[in-house]
Structure formats: structure tokens, C-alpha cells
PDB file of all heavy atoms in Angstrom:
ATOM      1  N   LEU A   1      82.272 142.821 123.083  1.00  0.00           N
ATOM      2  CA  LEU A   1      83.541 142.900 122.390  1.00  0.00           C
ATOM      3  C   LEU A   1      84.595 143.611 123.270  1.00  0.00           C
ATOM      4  O   LEU A   1      85.733 143.216 123.402  1.00  0.00           O
ATOM      5  CB  LEU A   1      83.430 143.611 121.049  1.00  0.00           C
ATOM      6  CG  LEU A   1      84.635 143.756 120.218  1.00  0.00           C
ATOM      7  CD1 LEU A   1      85.175 142.373 119.820  1.00  0.00           C
ATOM      8  CD2 LEU A   1      84.399 144.538 118.928  1.00  0.00           C
ATOM      9  N   GLU A   2      84.113 144.650 123.946  1.00  0.00           N
ATOM     10  CA  GLU A   2      85.031 145.426 124.867  1.00  0.00           C
ATOM     11  C   GLU A   2      85.426 144.497 126.035  1.00  0.00           C
ATOM     12  O   GLU A   2      86.633 144.561 126.434  1.00  0.00           O
ATOM     13  CB  GLU A   2      84.339 146.675 125.372  1.00  0.00           C
ATOM     14  CG  GLU A   2      84.160 147.724 124.306  1.00  0.00           C
ATOM     15  CD  GLU A   2      83.397 148.920 124.838  1.00  0.00           C
ATOM     16  OE1 GLU A   2      82.973 148.889 126.051  1.00  0.00           O
ATOM     17  OE2 GLU A   2      83.285 149.953 124.057  1.00  0.00           O
ATOM     18  N   SER A   3      84.504 143.701 126.564  1.00  0.00           N
ATOM     19  CA  SER A   3      84.929 142.817 127.692  1.00  0.00           C
ATOM     20  C   SER A   3      85.900 141.746 127.201  1.00  0.00           C
ATOM     21  O   SER A   3      86.864 141.423 127.905  1.00  0.00           O
ATOM     22  CB  SER A   3      83.667 142.207 128.297  1.00  0.00           C
ATOM     23  OG  SER A   3      83.000 141.387 127.282  1.00  0.00           O
ATOM     24  N   VAL A   4      85.673 141.230 125.959  1.00  0.00           N
ATOM     25  CA  VAL A   4      86.545 140.225 125.434  1.00  0.00           C
ATOM     26  C   VAL A   4      87.950 140.788 125.257  1.00  0.00           C
ATOM     27  O   VAL A   4      88.950 140.151 125.490  1.00  0.00           O
ATOM     28  CB  VAL A   4      85.999 139.606 124.139  1.00  0.00           C
ATOM     29  CG1 VAL A   4      87.041 138.774 123.441  1.00  0.00           C
ATOM     30  CG2 VAL A   4      84.776 138.819 124.453  1.00  0.00           C
ATOM     31  N   LEU A   5      88.004 142.024 124.736  1.00  0.00           N
ATOM     32  CA  LEU A   5      89.292 142.627 124.531  1.00  0.00           C
ATOM     33  C   LEU A   5      90.025 142.901 125.796  1.00  0.00           C
ATOM     34  O   LEU A   5      91.286 142.761 125.907  1.00  0.00           O
ATOM     35  CB  LEU A   5      89.097 143.995 123.757  1.00  0.00           C
ATOM     36  CG  LEU A   5      88.649 143.839 122.262  1.00  0.00           C
ATOM     37  CD1 LEU A   5      88.394 145.192 121.682  1.00  0.00           C
ATOM     38  CD2 LEU A   5      89.728 143.175 121.422  1.00  0.00           C
ATOM     39  N   THR A   6      89.278 143.270 126.888  1.00  0.00           N
ATOM     40  CA  THR A   6      89.868 143.445 128.173  1.00  0.00           C
ATOM     41  C   THR A   6      90.515 142.179 128.708  1.00  0.00           C
ATOM     42  O   THR A   6      91.607 142.146 129.198  1.00  0.00           O
ATOM     43  CB  THR A   6      88.870 144.029 129.167  1.00  0.00           C
ATOM     44  OG1 THR A   6      88.295 145.251 128.624  1.00  0.00           O
ATOM     45  CG2 THR A   6      89.519 144.302 130.522  1.00  0.00           C
ATOM     46  N   GLU A   7      89.697 141.123 128.596  1.00  0.00           N
ATOM     47  CA  GLU A   7      90.187 139.790 129.070  1.00  0.00           C
ATOM     48  C   GLU A   7      91.420 139.347 128.219  1.00  0.00           C
ATOM     49  O   GLU A   7      92.439 138.805 128.775  1.00  0.00           O
ATOM     50  CB  GLU A   7      89.100 138.756 128.948  1.00  0.00           C
ATOM     51  CG  GLU A   7      87.965 138.969 129.901  1.00  0.00           C
ATOM     52  CD  GLU A   7      86.832 137.938 129.709  1.00  0.00           C
ATOM     53  OE1 GLU A   7      86.996 137.104 128.804  1.00  0.00           O
ATOM     54  OE2 GLU A   7      85.857 137.988 130.473  1.00  0.00           O
ATOM     55  N   LEU A   8      91.346 139.641 126.947  1.00  0.00           N
ATOM     56  CA  LEU A   8      92.522 139.246 126.115  1.00  0.00           C
ATOM     57  C   LEU A   8      93.770 140.027 126.467  1.00  0.00           C
ATOM     58  O   LEU A   8      94.865 139.468 126.503  1.00  0.00           O
ATOM     59  CB  LEU A   8      92.129 139.554 124.659  1.00  0.00           C
ATOM     60  CG  LEU A   8      93.169 139.183 123.554  1.00  0.00           C
ATOM     61  CD1 LEU A   8      93.432 137.660 123.617  1.00  0.00           C
ATOM     62  CD2 LEU A   8      92.684 139.527 122.140  1.00  0.00           C
ATOM     63  N   SER A   9      93.616 141.309 126.718  1.00  0.00           N
ATOM     64  CA  SER A   9      94.822 142.120 127.141  1.00  0.00           C
ATOM     65  C   SER A   9      95.371 141.604 128.429  1.00  0.00           C
ATOM     66  O   SER A   9      96.622 141.612 128.597  1.00  0.00           O
ATOM     67  CB  SER A   9      94.420 143.598 127.170  1.00  0.00           C
ATOM     68  OG  SER A   9      93.411 143.800 128.186  1.00  0.00           O
ATOM     69  N   SER A  10      94.504 141.260 129.423  1.00  0.00           N
ATOM     70  CA  SER A  10      94.978 140.748 130.651  1.00  0.00           C
ATOM     71  C   SER A  10      95.726 139.429 130.515  1.00  0.00           C
ATOM     72  O   SER A  10      96.759 139.143 131.097  1.00  0.00           O
ATOM     73  CB  SER A  10      93.871 140.650 131.686  1.00  0.00           C
ATOM     74  OG  SER A  10      92.889 139.717 131.194  1.00  0.00           O
ATOM     75  N   ALA A  11      95.149 138.539 129.573  1.00  0.00           N
ATOM     76  CA  ALA A  11      95.794 137.287 129.350  1.00  0.00           C
ATOM     77  C   ALA A  11      97.155 137.426 128.737  1.00  0.00           C
ATOM     78  O   ALA A  11      98.134 136.745 129.010  1.00  0.00           O
ATOM     79  CB  ALA A  11      94.930 136.427 128.490  1.00  0.00           C
ATOM     80  N   ILE A  12      97.229 138.364 127.762  1.00  0.00           N
ATOM     81  CA  ILE A  12      98.536 138.663 127.132  1.00  0.00           C
ATOM     82  C   ILE A  12      99.528 139.194 128.131  1.00  0.00           C
ATOM     83  O   ILE A  12     100.717 138.806 128.109  1.00  0.00           O
ATOM     84  CB  ILE A  12      98.331 139.634 125.951  1.00  0.00           C
ATOM     85  CG1 ILE A  12      97.541 138.988 124.829  1.00  0.00           C
ATOM     86  CG2 ILE A  12      99.648 140.149 125.413  1.00  0.00           C
ATOM     87  CD1 ILE A  12      97.142 139.892 123.744  1.00  0.00           C
ATOM     88  N   ALA A  13      99.127 140.063 129.084  1.00  0.00           N
ATOM     89  CA  ALA A  13      99.976 140.575 130.076  1.00  0.00           C
ATOM     90  C   ALA A  13     100.494 139.403 131.002  1.00  0.00           C
ATOM     91  O   ALA A  13     101.627 139.359 131.370  1.00  0.00           O
ATOM     92  CB  ALA A  13      99.307 141.614 130.931  1.00  0.00           C
ATOM     93  N   GLY A  14      99.559 138.469 131.321  1.00  0.00           N
ATOM     94  CA  GLY A  14     100.008 137.323 132.133  1.00  0.00           C
ATOM     95  C   GLY A  14     101.036 136.453 131.369  1.00  0.00           C
ATOM     96  O   GLY A  14     101.992 135.981 132.050  1.00  0.00           O
ATOM     97  N   LEU A  15     100.767 136.212 130.106  1.00  0.00           N
ATOM     98  CA  LEU A  15     101.770 135.423 129.379  1.00  0.00           C
ATOM     99  C   LEU A  15     103.077 136.124 129.286  1.00  0.00           C
ATOM    100  O   LEU A  15     104.155 135.504 129.361  1.00  0.00           O
ATOM    101  CB  LEU A  15     101.219 135.212 127.953  1.00  0.00           C
ATOM    102  CG  LEU A  15     100.020 134.259 127.854  1.00  0.00           C
ATOM    103  CD1 LEU A  15      99.475 134.217 126.346  1.00  0.00           C
ATOM    104  CD2 LEU A  15     100.419 132.842 128.192  1.00  0.00           C
ATOM    105  N   GLN A  16     103.109 137.474 129.160  1.00  0.00           N
ATOM    106  CA  GLN A  16     104.362 138.178 129.075  1.00  0.00           C
ATOM    107  C   GLN A  16     105.101 138.027 130.393  1.00  0.00           C
ATOM    108  O   GLN A  16     106.323 137.826 130.376  1.00  0.00           O
ATOM    109  CB  GLN A  16     104.062 139.608 128.772  1.00  0.00           C
ATOM    110  CG  GLN A  16     105.324 140.486 128.584  1.00  0.00           C
ATOM    111  CD  GLN A  16     104.981 141.945 128.234  1.00  0.00           C
ATOM    112  OE1 GLN A  16     103.795 142.283 128.179  1.00  0.00           O
ATOM    113  NE2 GLN A  16     105.992 142.714 127.926  1.00  0.00           N
ATOM    114  N   SER A  17     104.425 138.146 131.500  1.00  0.00           N
ATOM    115  CA  SER A  17     105.087 138.030 132.836  1.00  0.00           C
ATOM    116  C   SER A  17     105.641 136.609 133.054  1.00  0.00           C
ATOM    117  O   SER A  17     106.738 136.398 133.550  1.00  0.00           O
ATOM    118  CB  SER A  17     104.075 138.409 133.992  1.00  0.00           C
ATOM    119  OG  SER A  17     102.981 137.462 133.949  1.00  0.00           O
ATOM    120  N   GLN A  18     104.836 135.538 132.585  1.00  0.00           N
ATOM    121  CA  GLN A  18     105.385 134.170 132.670  1.00  0.00           C
ATOM    122  C   GLN A  18     106.585 133.979 131.798  1.00  0.00           C
ATOM    123  O   GLN A  18     107.565 133.263 132.181  1.00  0.00           O
ATOM    124  CB  GLN A  18     104.222 133.236 132.296  1.00  0.00           C
ATOM    125  CG  GLN A  18     103.091 133.165 133.291  1.00  0.00           C
ATOM    126  CD  GLN A  18     101.974 132.264 132.885  1.00  0.00           C
ATOM    127  OE1 GLN A  18     102.132 131.518 131.838  1.00  0.00           O
ATOM    128  NE2 GLN A  18     100.891 132.214 133.669  1.00  0.00           N
ATOM    129  N   TYR A  19     106.539 134.575 130.618  1.00  0.00           N
ATOM    130  CA  TYR A  19     107.698 134.451 129.708  1.00  0.00           C
ATOM    131  C   TYR A  19     108.931 135.057 130.326  1.00  0.00           C
ATOM    132  O   TYR A  19     110.049 134.493 130.255  1.00  0.00           O
ATOM    133  CB  TYR A  19     107.392 135.108 128.366  1.00  0.00           C
ATOM    134  CG  TYR A  19     108.535 135.122 127.398  1.00  0.00           C
ATOM    135  CD1 TYR A  19     108.921 133.928 126.736  1.00  0.00           C
ATOM    136  CD2 TYR A  19     109.192 136.297 127.158  1.00  0.00           C
ATOM    137  CE1 TYR A  19     109.976 133.939 125.827  1.00  0.00           C
ATOM    138  CE2 TYR A  19     110.295 136.304 126.258  1.00  0.00           C
ATOM    139  CZ  TYR A  19     110.679 135.131 125.618  1.00  0.00           C
ATOM    140  OH  TYR A  19     111.725 135.167 124.764  1.00  0.00           O
ATOM    141  N   GLN A  20     108.793 136.220 130.959  1.00  0.00           N
ATOM    142  CA  GLN A  20     109.940 136.840 131.610  1.00  0.00           C
ATOM    143  C   GLN A  20     110.463 135.986 132.749  1.00  0.00           C
ATOM    144  O   GLN A  20     111.720 135.893 132.925  1.00  0.00           O
ATOM    145  CB  GLN A  20     109.576 138.202 132.065  1.00  0.00           C
ATOM    146  CG  GLN A  20     109.269 139.232 130.963  1.00  0.00           C
ATOM    147  CD  GLN A  20     108.863 140.619 131.484  1.00  0.00           C
ATOM    148  OE1 GLN A  20     108.647 140.781 132.669  1.00  0.00           O
ATOM    149  NE2 GLN A  20     108.680 141.537 130.573  1.00  0.00           N
ATOM    150  N   ALA A  21     109.545 135.353 133.500  1.00  0.00           N
ATOM    151  CA  ALA A  21     110.011 134.457 134.585  1.00  0.00           C
ATOM    152  C   ALA A  21     110.714 133.310 134.055  1.00  0.00           C
ATOM    153  O   ALA A  21     111.725 132.886 134.625  1.00  0.00           O
ATOM    154  CB  ALA A  21     108.713 134.040 135.418  1.00  0.00           C
ATOM    155  N   LEU A  22     110.268 132.660 132.962  1.00  0.00           N
ATOM    156  CA  LEU A  22     110.941 131.571 132.401  1.00  0.00           C
ATOM    157  C   LEU A  22     112.335 131.939 131.906  1.00  0.00           C
ATOM    158  O   LEU A  22     113.322 131.197 132.048  1.00  0.00           O
ATOM    159  CB  LEU A  22     110.139 131.054 131.226  1.00  0.00           C
ATOM    160  CG  LEU A  22     108.873 130.224 131.608  1.00  0.00           C
ATOM    161  CD1 LEU A  22     108.088 129.865 130.367  1.00  0.00           C
ATOM    162  CD2 LEU A  22     109.184 128.955 132.369  1.00  0.00           C
ATOM    163  N   CYS A  23     112.455 133.158 131.300  1.00  0.00           N
ATOM    164  CA  CYS A  23     113.793 133.636 130.857  1.00  0.00           C
ATOM    165  C   CYS A  23     114.736 133.806 132.018  1.00  0.00           C
ATOM    166  O   CYS A  23     115.934 133.406 131.966  1.00  0.00           O
ATOM    167  CB  CYS A  23     113.625 134.943 130.094  1.00  0.00           C
ATOM    168  SG  CYS A  23     112.773 134.772 128.508  1.00  0.00           S
ATOM    169  N   GLN A  24     114.227 134.321 133.132  1.00  0.00           N
ATOM    170  CA  GLN A  24     115.112 134.489 134.366  1.00  0.00           C
ATOM    171  C   GLN A  24     115.542 133.130 134.885  1.00  0.00           C
ATOM    172  O   GLN A  24     116.650 132.917 135.321  1.00  0.00           O
ATOM    173  CB  GLN A  24     114.347 135.351 135.375  1.00  0.00           C
ATOM    174  CG  GLN A  24     114.134 136.783 134.954  1.00  0.00           C
ATOM    175  CD  GLN A  24     113.395 137.572 135.986  1.00  0.00           C
ATOM    176  OE1 GLN A  24     112.941 137.042 136.998  1.00  0.00           O
ATOM    177  NE2 GLN A  24     113.170 138.877 135.698  1.00  0.00           N
ATOM    178  N   LEU A  25     114.573 132.187 134.901  1.00  0.00           N
ATOM    179  CA  LEU A  25     114.782 130.858 135.417  1.00  0.00           C
ATOM    180  C   LEU A  25     115.913 130.203 134.546  1.00  0.00           C
ATOM    181  O   LEU A  25     116.780 129.520 135.087  1.00  0.00           O
ATOM    182  CB  LEU A  25     113.546 130.010 135.442  1.00  0.00           C
ATOM    183  CG  LEU A  25     113.705 128.538 135.889  1.00  0.00           C
ATOM    184  CD1 LEU A  25     114.202 128.483 137.369  1.00  0.00           C
ATOM    185  CD2 LEU A  25     112.336 127.842 135.759  1.00  0.00           C
ATOM    186  N   ARG A  26     115.744 130.292 133.215  1.00  0.00           N
ATOM    187  CA  ARG A  26     116.760 129.711 132.309  1.00  0.00           C
ATOM    188  C   ARG A  26     118.137 130.350 132.556  1.00  0.00           C
ATOM    189  O   ARG A  26     119.116 129.617 132.601  1.00  0.00           O
ATOM    190  CB  ARG A  26     116.326 129.902 130.926  1.00  0.00           C
ATOM    191  CG  ARG A  26     117.262 129.331 129.894  1.00  0.00           C
ATOM    192  CD  ARG A  26     116.668 129.546 128.456  1.00  0.00           C
ATOM    193  NE  ARG A  26     117.577 129.002 127.467  1.00  0.00           N
ATOM    194  CZ  ARG A  26     117.379 129.070 126.123  1.00  0.00           C
ATOM    195  NH1 ARG A  26     116.261 129.768 125.700  1.00  0.00           N
ATOM    196  NH2 ARG A  26     118.217 128.551 125.277  1.00  0.00           N
ATOM    197  N   LYS A  27     118.176 131.620 132.725  1.00  0.00           N
ATOM    198  CA  LYS A  27     119.441 132.295 133.013  1.00  0.00           C
ATOM    199  C   LYS A  27     120.052 131.834 134.315  1.00  0.00           C
ATOM    200  O   LYS A  27     121.311 131.587 134.378  1.00  0.00           O
ATOM    201  CB  LYS A  27     119.233 133.785 132.984  1.00  0.00           C
ATOM    202  CG  LYS A  27     120.550 134.570 133.200  1.00  0.00           C
ATOM    203  CD  LYS A  27     120.260 136.087 133.123  1.00  0.00           C
ATOM    204  CE  LYS A  27     121.567 136.840 133.357  1.00  0.00           C
ATOM    205  NZ  LYS A  27     121.344 138.337 133.350  1.00  0.00           N
ATOM    206  N   GLY A  28     119.216 131.660 135.332  1.00  0.00           N
ATOM    207  CA  GLY A  28     119.741 131.178 136.644  1.00  0.00           C
ATOM    208  C   GLY A  28     120.302 129.774 136.551  1.00  0.00           C
ATOM    209  O   GLY A  28     121.371 129.456 137.108  1.00  0.00           O
ATOM    210  N   MET A  29     119.636 128.879 135.776  1.00  0.00           N
ATOM    211  CA  MET A  29     120.057 127.514 135.673  1.00  0.00           C
ATOM    212  C   MET A  29     121.383 127.468 134.900  1.00  0.00           C
ATOM    213  O   MET A  29     122.303 126.715 135.236  1.00  0.00           O
ATOM    214  CB  MET A  29     119.036 126.685 134.920  1.00  0.00           C
ATOM    215  CG  MET A  29     117.746 126.468 135.767  1.00  0.00           C
ATOM    216  SD  MET A  29     116.549 125.533 134.895  1.00  0.00           S
ATOM    217  CE  MET A  29     117.334 123.941 134.753  1.00  0.00           C
ATOM    218  N   ASN A  30     121.540 128.329 133.836  1.00  0.00           N
ATOM    219  CA  ASN A  30     122.796 128.366 133.154  1.00  0.00           C
ATOM    220  C   ASN A  30     123.933 128.836 134.040  1.00  0.00           C
ATOM    221  O   ASN A  30     125.061 128.351 133.988  1.00  0.00           O
ATOM    222  CB  ASN A  30     122.651 129.322 131.930  1.00  0.00           C
ATOM    223  CG  ASN A  30     121.791 128.721 130.877  1.00  0.00           C
ATOM    224  OD1 ASN A  30     121.738 127.508 130.737  1.00  0.00           O
ATOM    225  ND2 ASN A  30     121.141 129.601 130.059  1.00  0.00           N
TER     226      ASN A  30
END
């Protein structure tokens, strides 16, 4: 369970960084 939670937290951090990159890309295109 601890290993799954660790992987889950890393995946959430990756999604957060990708979301920020998409927001910056959208702003640049605008």
C-alpha cells in the first residue's frame, strides 16, 4: 500500500506539471 501511494503521488505530481505546461502553452498561443 505504501508503494502504491508513492507511485500515485509521483503520478499526480507529473500530471500537475503537464497541466502547468499546457496552461503556459495556451497562454503563449493566445
